Structures are given as structure tokens and as C-alpha cells.
Amino acid sequence: MGRHNIELVAWIIGFATILGMSRIIPHPPNFTPILAVAIFIPFLVNKWYAALPITLGAMFIGDLYWGLHQWLFWTYGSVALCSFIASYSKNLMTNSVLAPVTFFIVTNFGVWTGGWYGYTLEGLFACYVAAIPFFHMTLLGTIFYTAIFYGLYYITKKYGKSLQKTV
């Protein structure tokens, strides 16, 4: 296995561990690395679908722990869509804002389809307005974790070779 493949496997194991723990350990609501990983993996490997087993697998494990819900299709689909979009827009800062916006739009549309707000435009609007207080933590969490992942990536790229020589 080449050096690049070993680094890739290390990133994948690290992401899977972080995601698995982030779904179970106490954390501020919606402040998780799920969307950051969903956009960072396509940045690393240029394949949006490479993020799916890790992100959706971690979400599913968390959902098994916390309980499955009726919006799985919308939630998982929005994460997959974020990875897909990230594979075309390689700007991590743009993606770290675009992913939470996409997640917000898709998942809250899914909530609206549940009928709690009525099947009207007013109901759809009310559903989105009710979700606004949760959006900022999703946005902040995604930006925070994307910055952490990029920092680790940068350090690995910049100092990885010199660290290998000293070991």
C-alpha cells in the first residue's frame, strides 16, 4: 500500500471515529462534524460518494442509539446532496456555508411534508421560520470542523514528510 493510500485510510478511520463519537457524546445541539466530513472527503478524494459510507454510516449508528425517525430519507439525502455539491465546488469555505444551507432547506422541507404545519405555503414558511433557531449551530459546527480538518490536512501535507524522516 502506497503512502497516499495509508494517509487516506488514516483519514477515513479518523473521520469514522470522530463521527461515531459525535453522534453519541453530549454536544451542543446541531454542532457536529457530519456536514464538515460530508464536504471534506470529496475535497480529499474527488469522489462525492466516498463520503457516503462514513457520514451515513455514522448517522445510522447514532440513529440506532438515539432512535430512528420518519425523516431519515430527508436527513440522509441532504447529507449525500452536500457531498455531491462539494465535489463540484472545491472551495471549502463556500461549501462549509452551502452545506448547512442545503441541509436546512432539504430537511425542513421534509419536516413540512409530515403535515405538522399544514400543506400550504404558509405552513412551509412557518416550518422554515420555526427551524431558524437551530440553523446557527449547524452553520458554526460545520465551519468549525471544516477549519479543524483543513488545519490537520495542511499540517499533514506541510510537515508529514519531515516527520517521517525523524521517525
N, C-alpha and C. Protein backbone atom coordinates (compact mmCIF):
# COMPACT_ATOMS: atom_id res chain seq x y z
N MET A 1 0.84 -1.17 0.00
CA MET A 1 0.00 0.00 0.00
C MET A 1 0.89 1.23 0.00
N GLY A 2 0.63 2.17 -0.93
CA GLY A 2 1.43 3.37 -1.04
C GLY A 2 1.18 4.35 0.08
N ARG A 3 2.09 5.32 0.20
CA ARG A 3 2.00 6.32 1.27
C ARG A 3 0.67 7.08 1.20
N HIS A 4 0.25 7.43 -0.03
CA HIS A 4 -1.01 8.17 -0.19
C HIS A 4 -2.19 7.34 0.30
N ASN A 5 -2.19 6.06 0.00
CA ASN A 5 -3.29 5.19 0.44
C ASN A 5 -3.31 5.02 1.95
N ILE A 6 -2.14 4.95 2.55
CA ILE A 6 -2.07 4.83 4.01
C ILE A 6 -2.62 6.10 4.66
N GLU A 7 -2.24 7.26 4.13
CA GLU A 7 -2.78 8.53 4.65
C GLU A 7 -4.29 8.58 4.50
N LEU A 8 -4.79 8.13 3.35
CA LEU A 8 -6.22 8.14 3.09
C LEU A 8 -6.96 7.23 4.07
N VAL A 9 -6.42 6.06 4.31
CA VAL A 9 -7.03 5.14 5.27
C VAL A 9 -7.02 5.75 6.67
N ALA A 10 -5.94 6.42 7.03
CA ALA A 10 -5.86 7.08 8.34
C ALA A 10 -6.92 8.17 8.46
N TRP A 11 -7.10 8.97 7.40
CA TRP A 11 -8.14 9.99 7.41
C TRP A 11 -9.52 9.36 7.57
N ILE A 12 -9.78 8.30 6.84
CA ILE A 12 -11.09 7.64 6.88
C ILE A 12 -11.37 7.08 8.27
N ILE A 13 -10.39 6.42 8.86
CA ILE A 13 -10.56 5.87 10.21
C ILE A 13 -10.78 7.01 11.21
N GLY A 14 -10.03 8.08 11.05
CA GLY A 14 -10.19 9.24 11.93
C GLY A 14 -11.57 9.86 11.80
N PHE A 15 -12.02 10.05 10.57
CA PHE A 15 -13.36 10.60 10.35
C PHE A 15 -14.43 9.70 10.94
N ALA A 16 -14.32 8.42 10.69
CA ALA A 16 -15.34 7.48 11.18
C ALA A 16 -15.39 7.51 12.71
N THR A 17 -14.25 7.56 13.35
CA THR A 17 -14.20 7.60 14.81
C THR A 17 -14.81 8.90 15.34
N ILE A 18 -14.41 10.02 14.76
CA ILE A 18 -14.94 11.32 15.19
C ILE A 18 -16.45 11.37 15.00
N LEU A 19 -16.91 10.93 13.84
CA LEU A 19 -18.34 10.98 13.57
C LEU A 19 -19.13 10.07 14.49
N GLY A 20 -18.63 8.86 14.67
CA GLY A 20 -19.33 7.93 15.56
C GLY A 20 -19.47 8.49 16.96
N MET A 21 -18.40 9.06 17.48
CA MET A 21 -18.43 9.64 18.82
C MET A 21 -19.31 10.90 18.87
N SER A 22 -19.27 11.68 17.80
CA SER A 22 -20.02 12.94 17.81
C SER A 22 -21.52 12.75 17.85
N ARG A 23 -21.99 11.62 17.45
CA ARG A 23 -23.42 11.36 17.46
C ARG A 23 -23.91 10.90 18.84
N ILE A 24 -22.99 10.46 19.69
CA ILE A 24 -23.40 9.86 20.96
C ILE A 24 -22.99 10.71 22.17
N ILE A 25 -21.79 11.28 22.15
CA ILE A 25 -21.35 12.07 23.30
C ILE A 25 -22.14 13.37 23.38
N PRO A 26 -22.30 13.92 24.58
CA PRO A 26 -23.03 15.20 24.70
C PRO A 26 -22.34 16.31 23.91
N HIS A 27 -23.14 17.12 23.24
CA HIS A 27 -22.63 18.24 22.45
C HIS A 27 -23.74 19.26 22.29
N PRO A 28 -23.37 20.49 21.97
CA PRO A 28 -24.42 21.49 21.71
C PRO A 28 -25.31 21.01 20.55
N PRO A 29 -26.59 21.27 20.61
CA PRO A 29 -27.49 20.81 19.54
C PRO A 29 -27.02 21.26 18.16
N ASN A 30 -26.96 20.29 17.26
CA ASN A 30 -26.61 20.52 15.85
C ASN A 30 -25.16 20.94 15.62
N PHE A 31 -24.33 20.92 16.62
CA PHE A 31 -22.92 21.29 16.47
C PHE A 31 -22.11 20.00 16.33
N THR A 32 -22.13 19.44 15.12
CA THR A 32 -21.45 18.17 14.86
C THR A 32 -20.58 18.28 13.62
N PRO A 33 -19.67 17.33 13.43
CA PRO A 33 -18.81 17.35 12.25
C PRO A 33 -19.39 16.63 11.03
N ILE A 34 -20.64 16.20 11.08
CA ILE A 34 -21.22 15.40 9.99
C ILE A 34 -21.10 16.13 8.64
N LEU A 35 -21.60 17.35 8.55
CA LEU A 35 -21.56 18.06 7.28
C LEU A 35 -20.13 18.44 6.89
N ALA A 36 -19.27 18.72 7.86
CA ALA A 36 -17.88 19.03 7.56
C ALA A 36 -17.20 17.83 6.89
N VAL A 37 -17.46 16.65 7.41
CA VAL A 37 -16.88 15.45 6.79
C VAL A 37 -17.51 15.21 5.42
N ALA A 38 -18.81 15.45 5.31
CA ALA A 38 -19.50 15.25 4.03
C ALA A 38 -18.92 16.14 2.93
N ILE A 39 -18.39 17.30 3.29
CA ILE A 39 -17.78 18.16 2.28
C ILE A 39 -16.27 18.01 2.20
N PHE A 40 -15.64 17.51 3.27
CA PHE A 40 -14.18 17.41 3.27
C PHE A 40 -13.69 16.17 2.52
N ILE A 41 -14.40 15.07 2.61
CA ILE A 41 -13.96 13.86 1.92
C ILE A 41 -13.92 14.07 0.40
N PRO A 42 -14.95 14.69 -0.22
CA PRO A 42 -14.80 14.96 -1.66
C PRO A 42 -13.62 15.89 -1.97
N PHE A 43 -13.28 16.76 -1.05
CA PHE A 43 -12.10 17.62 -1.21
C PHE A 43 -10.83 16.76 -1.24
N LEU A 44 -10.79 15.72 -0.41
CA LEU A 44 -9.61 14.86 -0.34
C LEU A 44 -9.49 13.92 -1.53
N VAL A 45 -10.59 13.31 -1.94
CA VAL A 45 -10.51 12.21 -2.91
C VAL A 45 -11.21 12.48 -4.24
N ASN A 46 -11.84 13.63 -4.40
CA ASN A 46 -12.54 13.99 -5.63
C ASN A 46 -13.69 13.05 -6.00
N LYS A 47 -14.24 12.37 -5.03
CA LYS A 47 -15.38 11.49 -5.28
C LYS A 47 -16.42 11.73 -4.18
N TRP A 48 -17.56 12.27 -4.56
CA TRP A 48 -18.59 12.61 -3.58
C TRP A 48 -19.11 11.38 -2.87
N TYR A 49 -19.22 10.28 -3.57
CA TYR A 49 -19.79 9.07 -2.98
C TYR A 49 -18.86 8.40 -1.99
N ALA A 50 -17.59 8.80 -1.96
CA ALA A 50 -16.66 8.24 -0.98
C ALA A 50 -17.03 8.67 0.43
N ALA A 51 -17.73 9.79 0.56
CA ALA A 51 -18.14 10.28 1.88
C ALA A 51 -19.35 9.53 2.42
N LEU A 52 -20.12 8.91 1.56
CA LEU A 52 -21.39 8.32 1.98
C LEU A 52 -21.27 7.22 3.02
N PRO A 53 -20.40 6.22 2.83
CA PRO A 53 -20.34 5.17 3.86
C PRO A 53 -19.96 5.70 5.24
N ILE A 54 -19.09 6.69 5.28
CA ILE A 54 -18.65 7.22 6.56
C ILE A 54 -19.72 8.09 7.20
N THR A 55 -20.20 9.08 6.46
CA THR A 55 -21.17 10.01 7.05
C THR A 55 -22.50 9.33 7.33
N LEU A 56 -23.02 8.62 6.35
CA LEU A 56 -24.32 7.99 6.54
C LEU A 56 -24.23 6.81 7.52
N GLY A 57 -23.10 6.12 7.52
CA GLY A 57 -22.90 5.04 8.49
C GLY A 57 -22.88 5.56 9.92
N ALA A 58 -22.15 6.66 10.13
CA ALA A 58 -22.10 7.26 11.48
C ALA A 58 -23.48 7.77 11.89
N MET A 59 -24.19 8.37 10.94
CA MET A 59 -25.54 8.85 11.27
C MET A 59 -26.45 7.69 11.63
N PHE A 60 -26.34 6.60 10.88
CA PHE A 60 -27.20 5.45 11.14
C PHE A 60 -26.90 4.84 12.51
N ILE A 61 -25.63 4.73 12.85
CA ILE A 61 -25.26 4.21 14.17
C ILE A 61 -25.82 5.11 15.26
N GLY A 62 -25.69 6.42 15.08
CA GLY A 62 -26.26 7.35 16.05
C GLY A 62 -27.77 7.22 16.12
N ASP A 63 -28.41 7.04 14.97
CA ASP A 63 -29.87 6.90 14.96
C ASP A 63 -30.31 5.59 15.60
N LEU A 64 -29.50 4.56 15.49
CA LEU A 64 -29.82 3.31 16.20
C LEU A 64 -29.75 3.53 17.71
N TYR A 65 -28.79 4.34 18.13
CA TYR A 65 -28.62 4.63 19.55
C TYR A 65 -29.74 5.54 20.06
N TRP A 66 -30.00 6.65 19.33
CA TRP A 66 -30.97 7.65 19.77
C TRP A 66 -32.39 7.33 19.35
N GLY A 67 -32.53 6.55 18.30
CA GLY A 67 -33.86 6.19 17.80
C GLY A 67 -34.04 6.61 16.34
N LEU A 68 -34.58 5.71 15.57
CA LEU A 68 -34.86 6.01 14.16
C LEU A 68 -36.04 6.97 14.08
N HIS A 69 -36.12 7.73 13.01
CA HIS A 69 -37.17 8.72 12.87
C HIS A 69 -37.72 8.72 11.46
N GLN A 70 -38.82 9.41 11.26
CA GLN A 70 -39.51 9.38 9.98
C GLN A 70 -38.85 10.25 8.91
N TRP A 71 -37.86 11.01 9.28
CA TRP A 71 -37.21 11.91 8.32
C TRP A 71 -35.84 11.41 7.85
N LEU A 72 -35.59 10.12 8.01
CA LEU A 72 -34.28 9.57 7.60
C LEU A 72 -33.98 9.87 6.14
N PHE A 73 -34.95 9.68 5.26
CA PHE A 73 -34.74 9.92 3.83
C PHE A 73 -34.26 11.36 3.58
N TRP A 74 -34.93 12.31 4.21
CA TRP A 74 -34.60 13.72 4.01
C TRP A 74 -33.24 14.06 4.64
N THR A 75 -33.00 13.54 5.82
CA THR A 75 -31.74 13.84 6.51
C THR A 75 -30.55 13.23 5.78
N TYR A 76 -30.62 11.95 5.50
CA TYR A 76 -29.52 11.28 4.82
C TYR A 76 -29.36 11.79 3.39
N GLY A 77 -30.49 12.04 2.73
CA GLY A 77 -30.43 12.57 1.37
C GLY A 77 -29.78 13.93 1.31
N SER A 78 -30.04 14.76 2.30
CA SER A 78 -29.44 16.10 2.30
C SER A 78 -27.93 16.02 2.53
N VAL A 79 -27.48 15.09 3.36
CA VAL A 79 -26.04 14.91 3.58
C VAL A 79 -25.37 14.42 2.30
N ALA A 80 -26.01 13.47 1.63
CA ALA A 80 -25.48 12.98 0.35
C ALA A 80 -25.44 14.12 -0.68
N LEU A 81 -26.47 14.95 -0.70
CA LEU A 81 -26.51 16.08 -1.63
C LEU A 81 -25.38 17.07 -1.32
N CYS A 82 -25.09 17.29 -0.05
CA CYS A 82 -23.98 18.17 0.33
C CYS A 82 -22.66 17.64 -0.20
N SER A 83 -22.44 16.34 -0.11
CA SER A 83 -21.21 15.73 -0.65
C SER A 83 -21.16 15.88 -2.17
N PHE A 84 -22.29 15.67 -2.82
CA PHE A 84 -22.37 15.81 -4.27
C PHE A 84 -22.01 17.23 -4.69
N ILE A 85 -22.61 18.22 -4.05
CA ILE A 85 -22.34 19.62 -4.36
C ILE A 85 -20.87 19.94 -4.10
N ALA A 86 -20.33 19.42 -3.00
CA ALA A 86 -18.93 19.70 -2.64
C ALA A 86 -17.95 19.13 -3.65
N SER A 87 -18.34 18.09 -4.36
CA SER A 87 -17.43 17.52 -5.34
C SER A 87 -17.27 18.43 -6.56
N TYR A 88 -18.20 19.36 -6.74
CA TYR A 88 -18.12 20.30 -7.86
C TYR A 88 -17.59 21.66 -7.45
N SER A 89 -17.76 22.01 -6.21
CA SER A 89 -17.25 23.27 -5.69
C SER A 89 -16.14 22.94 -4.71
N LYS A 90 -14.92 23.13 -5.12
CA LYS A 90 -13.78 22.72 -4.30
C LYS A 90 -13.39 23.76 -3.24
N ASN A 91 -14.14 24.84 -3.12
CA ASN A 91 -13.85 25.86 -2.13
C ASN A 91 -14.46 25.44 -0.79
N LEU A 92 -13.62 25.08 0.15
CA LEU A 92 -14.10 24.58 1.45
C LEU A 92 -14.90 25.62 2.22
N MET A 93 -14.51 26.87 2.14
CA MET A 93 -15.25 27.91 2.87
C MET A 93 -16.66 28.05 2.30
N THR A 94 -16.76 28.09 0.98
CA THR A 94 -18.07 28.16 0.34
C THR A 94 -18.90 26.94 0.72
N ASN A 95 -18.29 25.77 0.65
CA ASN A 95 -19.01 24.54 0.97
C ASN A 95 -19.42 24.46 2.44
N SER A 96 -18.61 25.05 3.32
CA SER A 96 -18.95 24.99 4.75
C SER A 96 -20.13 25.90 5.09
N VAL A 97 -20.48 26.81 4.19
CA VAL A 97 -21.69 27.62 4.33
C VAL A 97 -22.83 26.99 3.53
N LEU A 98 -22.52 26.54 2.33
CA LEU A 98 -23.53 25.98 1.44
C LEU A 98 -24.12 24.67 2.00
N ALA A 99 -23.32 23.85 2.63
CA ALA A 99 -23.82 22.58 3.16
C ALA A 99 -24.88 22.78 4.25
N PRO A 100 -24.66 23.63 5.26
CA PRO A 100 -25.72 23.84 6.24
C PRO A 100 -26.99 24.45 5.64
N VAL A 101 -26.82 25.33 4.65
CA VAL A 101 -27.99 25.92 4.00
C VAL A 101 -28.77 24.83 3.27
N THR A 102 -28.06 23.98 2.54
CA THR A 102 -28.70 22.86 1.84
C THR A 102 -29.39 21.93 2.82
N PHE A 103 -28.70 21.59 3.89
CA PHE A 103 -29.26 20.72 4.92
C PHE A 103 -30.53 21.33 5.51
N PHE A 104 -30.49 22.61 5.80
CA PHE A 104 -31.64 23.33 6.36
C PHE A 104 -32.83 23.28 5.41
N ILE A 105 -32.59 23.60 4.15
CA ILE A 105 -33.68 23.64 3.17
C ILE A 105 -34.29 22.26 2.97
N VAL A 106 -33.45 21.26 2.77
CA VAL A 106 -33.95 19.90 2.46
C VAL A 106 -34.63 19.27 3.67
N THR A 107 -33.99 19.30 4.83
CA THR A 107 -34.56 18.60 5.98
C THR A 107 -35.83 19.27 6.48
N ASN A 108 -35.88 20.57 6.43
CA ASN A 108 -37.11 21.24 6.90
C ASN A 108 -38.24 21.13 5.89
N PHE A 109 -37.91 20.99 4.63
CA PHE A 109 -38.94 20.65 3.66
C PHE A 109 -39.51 19.27 4.00
N GLY A 110 -38.62 18.35 4.36
CA GLY A 110 -39.06 17.03 4.78
C GLY A 110 -39.97 17.07 6.00
N VAL A 111 -39.64 17.91 6.95
CA VAL A 111 -40.49 18.07 8.14
C VAL A 111 -41.86 18.59 7.71
N TRP A 112 -41.88 19.56 6.81
CA TRP A 112 -43.14 20.12 6.33
C TRP A 112 -44.01 19.04 5.67
N THR A 113 -43.38 18.10 4.95
CA THR A 113 -44.16 17.04 4.29
C THR A 113 -44.83 16.12 5.30
N GLY A 114 -44.39 16.17 6.55
CA GLY A 114 -45.03 15.37 7.60
C GLY A 114 -46.40 15.89 7.99
N GLY A 115 -46.75 17.09 7.56
CA GLY A 115 -48.08 17.64 7.78
C GLY A 115 -48.28 18.42 9.05
N TRP A 116 -47.28 18.56 9.87
CA TRP A 116 -47.43 19.27 11.14
C TRP A 116 -47.78 20.74 10.96
N TYR A 117 -47.34 21.31 9.86
CA TYR A 117 -47.55 22.73 9.62
C TYR A 117 -48.64 23.00 8.59
N GLY A 118 -49.29 21.96 8.14
CA GLY A 118 -50.30 22.10 7.09
C GLY A 118 -49.65 22.11 5.72
N TYR A 119 -50.37 21.66 4.75
CA TYR A 119 -49.83 21.57 3.40
C TYR A 119 -50.15 22.83 2.59
N THR A 120 -49.68 23.95 3.10
CA THR A 120 -49.87 25.23 2.43
C THR A 120 -48.53 25.95 2.37
N LEU A 121 -48.47 26.99 1.55
CA LEU A 121 -47.24 27.80 1.52
C LEU A 121 -47.00 28.47 2.86
N GLU A 122 -48.06 28.86 3.53
CA GLU A 122 -47.92 29.45 4.86
C GLU A 122 -47.34 28.43 5.84
N GLY A 123 -47.79 27.18 5.71
CA GLY A 123 -47.26 26.11 6.56
C GLY A 123 -45.78 25.86 6.29
N LEU A 124 -45.41 25.87 5.01
CA LEU A 124 -44.00 25.68 4.64
C LEU A 124 -43.16 26.81 5.21
N PHE A 125 -43.64 28.03 5.06
CA PHE A 125 -42.94 29.19 5.60
C PHE A 125 -42.81 29.08 7.12
N ALA A 126 -43.90 28.69 7.79
CA ALA A 126 -43.88 28.55 9.26
C ALA A 126 -42.88 27.47 9.68
N CYS A 127 -42.79 26.41 8.90
CA CYS A 127 -41.83 25.33 9.21
C CYS A 127 -40.39 25.85 9.15
N TYR A 128 -40.08 26.60 8.10
CA TYR A 128 -38.73 27.17 7.98
C TYR A 128 -38.45 28.19 9.08
N VAL A 129 -39.41 29.00 9.40
CA VAL A 129 -39.22 30.00 10.46
C VAL A 129 -38.98 29.31 11.81
N ALA A 130 -39.73 28.24 12.08
CA ALA A 130 -39.56 27.50 13.35
C ALA A 130 -38.18 26.87 13.45
N ALA A 131 -37.54 26.59 12.32
CA ALA A 131 -36.23 25.93 12.33
C ALA A 131 -35.06 26.90 12.41
N ILE A 132 -35.31 28.17 12.22
CA ILE A 132 -34.22 29.17 12.21
C ILE A 132 -33.37 29.13 13.49
N PRO A 133 -33.95 28.99 14.68
CA PRO A 133 -33.09 28.99 15.88
C PRO A 133 -32.07 27.85 15.93
N PHE A 134 -32.26 26.81 15.14
CA PHE A 134 -31.33 25.67 15.13
C PHE A 134 -30.25 25.82 14.07
N PHE A 135 -30.46 26.72 13.12
CA PHE A 135 -29.56 26.82 11.97
C PHE A 135 -28.16 27.29 12.35
N HIS A 136 -28.07 28.28 13.23
CA HIS A 136 -26.75 28.86 13.51
C HIS A 136 -25.76 27.84 14.07
N MET A 137 -26.23 26.89 14.86
CA MET A 137 -25.31 25.89 15.41
C MET A 137 -24.83 24.91 14.33
N THR A 138 -25.71 24.60 13.38
CA THR A 138 -25.30 23.75 12.26
C THR A 138 -24.24 24.48 11.44
N LEU A 139 -24.47 25.74 11.18
CA LEU A 139 -23.51 26.55 10.41
C LEU A 139 -22.18 26.66 11.15
N LEU A 140 -22.24 27.04 12.43
CA LEU A 140 -21.00 27.19 13.20
C LEU A 140 -20.24 25.87 13.34
N GLY A 141 -20.96 24.80 13.59
CA GLY A 141 -20.32 23.49 13.71
C GLY A 141 -19.63 23.07 12.42
N THR A 142 -20.30 23.30 11.31
CA THR A 142 -19.71 22.91 10.02
C THR A 142 -18.47 23.75 9.72
N ILE A 143 -18.54 25.04 9.94
CA ILE A 143 -17.37 25.90 9.71
C ILE A 143 -16.24 25.53 10.65
N PHE A 144 -16.55 25.32 11.92
CA PHE A 144 -15.53 24.96 12.92
C PHE A 144 -14.82 23.67 12.54
N TYR A 145 -15.58 22.61 12.29
CA TYR A 145 -14.96 21.32 11.99
C TYR A 145 -14.26 21.31 10.63
N THR A 146 -14.78 22.04 9.66
CA THR A 146 -14.09 22.14 8.37
C THR A 146 -12.74 22.81 8.57
N ALA A 147 -12.69 23.86 9.38
CA ALA A 147 -11.42 24.54 9.66
C ALA A 147 -10.45 23.61 10.38
N ILE A 148 -10.95 22.84 11.33
CA ILE A 148 -10.09 21.88 12.05
C ILE A 148 -9.53 20.85 11.07
N PHE A 149 -10.40 20.28 10.24
CA PHE A 149 -9.97 19.26 9.27
C PHE A 149 -8.98 19.83 8.29
N TYR A 150 -9.22 21.05 7.81
CA TYR A 150 -8.29 21.65 6.87
C TYR A 150 -6.95 21.93 7.56
N GLY A 151 -6.99 22.40 8.80
CA GLY A 151 -5.75 22.63 9.54
C GLY A 151 -4.94 21.35 9.69
N LEU A 152 -5.61 20.26 10.03
CA LEU A 152 -4.91 18.97 10.14
C LEU A 152 -4.37 18.52 8.78
N TYR A 153 -5.16 18.72 7.75
CA TYR A 153 -4.74 18.37 6.39
C TYR A 153 -3.51 19.18 6.00
N TYR A 154 -3.53 20.48 6.27
CA TYR A 154 -2.42 21.36 5.93
C TYR A 154 -1.15 20.94 6.67
N ILE A 155 -1.29 20.70 7.97
CA ILE A 155 -0.13 20.28 8.77
C ILE A 155 0.43 18.95 8.26
N THR A 156 -0.46 18.03 7.93
CA THR A 156 -0.02 16.73 7.40
C THR A 156 0.72 16.90 6.08
N LYS A 157 0.20 17.73 5.21
CA LYS A 157 0.85 17.95 3.91
C LYS A 157 2.17 18.69 4.06
N LYS A 158 2.19 19.70 4.92
CA LYS A 158 3.39 20.52 5.06
C LYS A 158 4.49 19.82 5.85
N TYR A 159 4.12 19.15 6.94
CA TYR A 159 5.12 18.60 7.83
C TYR A 159 5.18 17.07 7.80
N GLY A 160 4.32 16.44 7.08
CA GLY A 160 4.28 14.98 7.05
C GLY A 160 5.55 14.33 6.62
N LYS A 161 6.18 14.86 5.57
CA LYS A 161 7.42 14.28 5.06
C LYS A 161 8.56 14.48 6.04
N SER A 162 8.63 15.66 6.66
CA SER A 162 9.72 15.89 7.62
C SER A 162 9.52 15.06 8.88
N LEU A 163 8.27 14.82 9.27
CA LEU A 163 8.02 13.96 10.43
C LEU A 163 8.39 12.52 10.14
N GLN A 164 8.16 12.07 8.91
CA GLN A 164 8.52 10.70 8.53
C GLN A 164 10.02 10.49 8.61
N LYS A 165 10.80 11.50 8.25
CA LYS A 165 12.25 11.38 8.26
C LYS A 165 12.78 11.28 9.69
N THR A 166 12.11 11.91 10.66
CA THR A 166 12.60 11.89 12.02
C THR A 166 12.20 10.61 12.77
N VAL A 167 11.21 9.91 12.27
CA VAL A 167 10.73 8.70 12.97
C VAL A 167 11.56 7.51 12.62
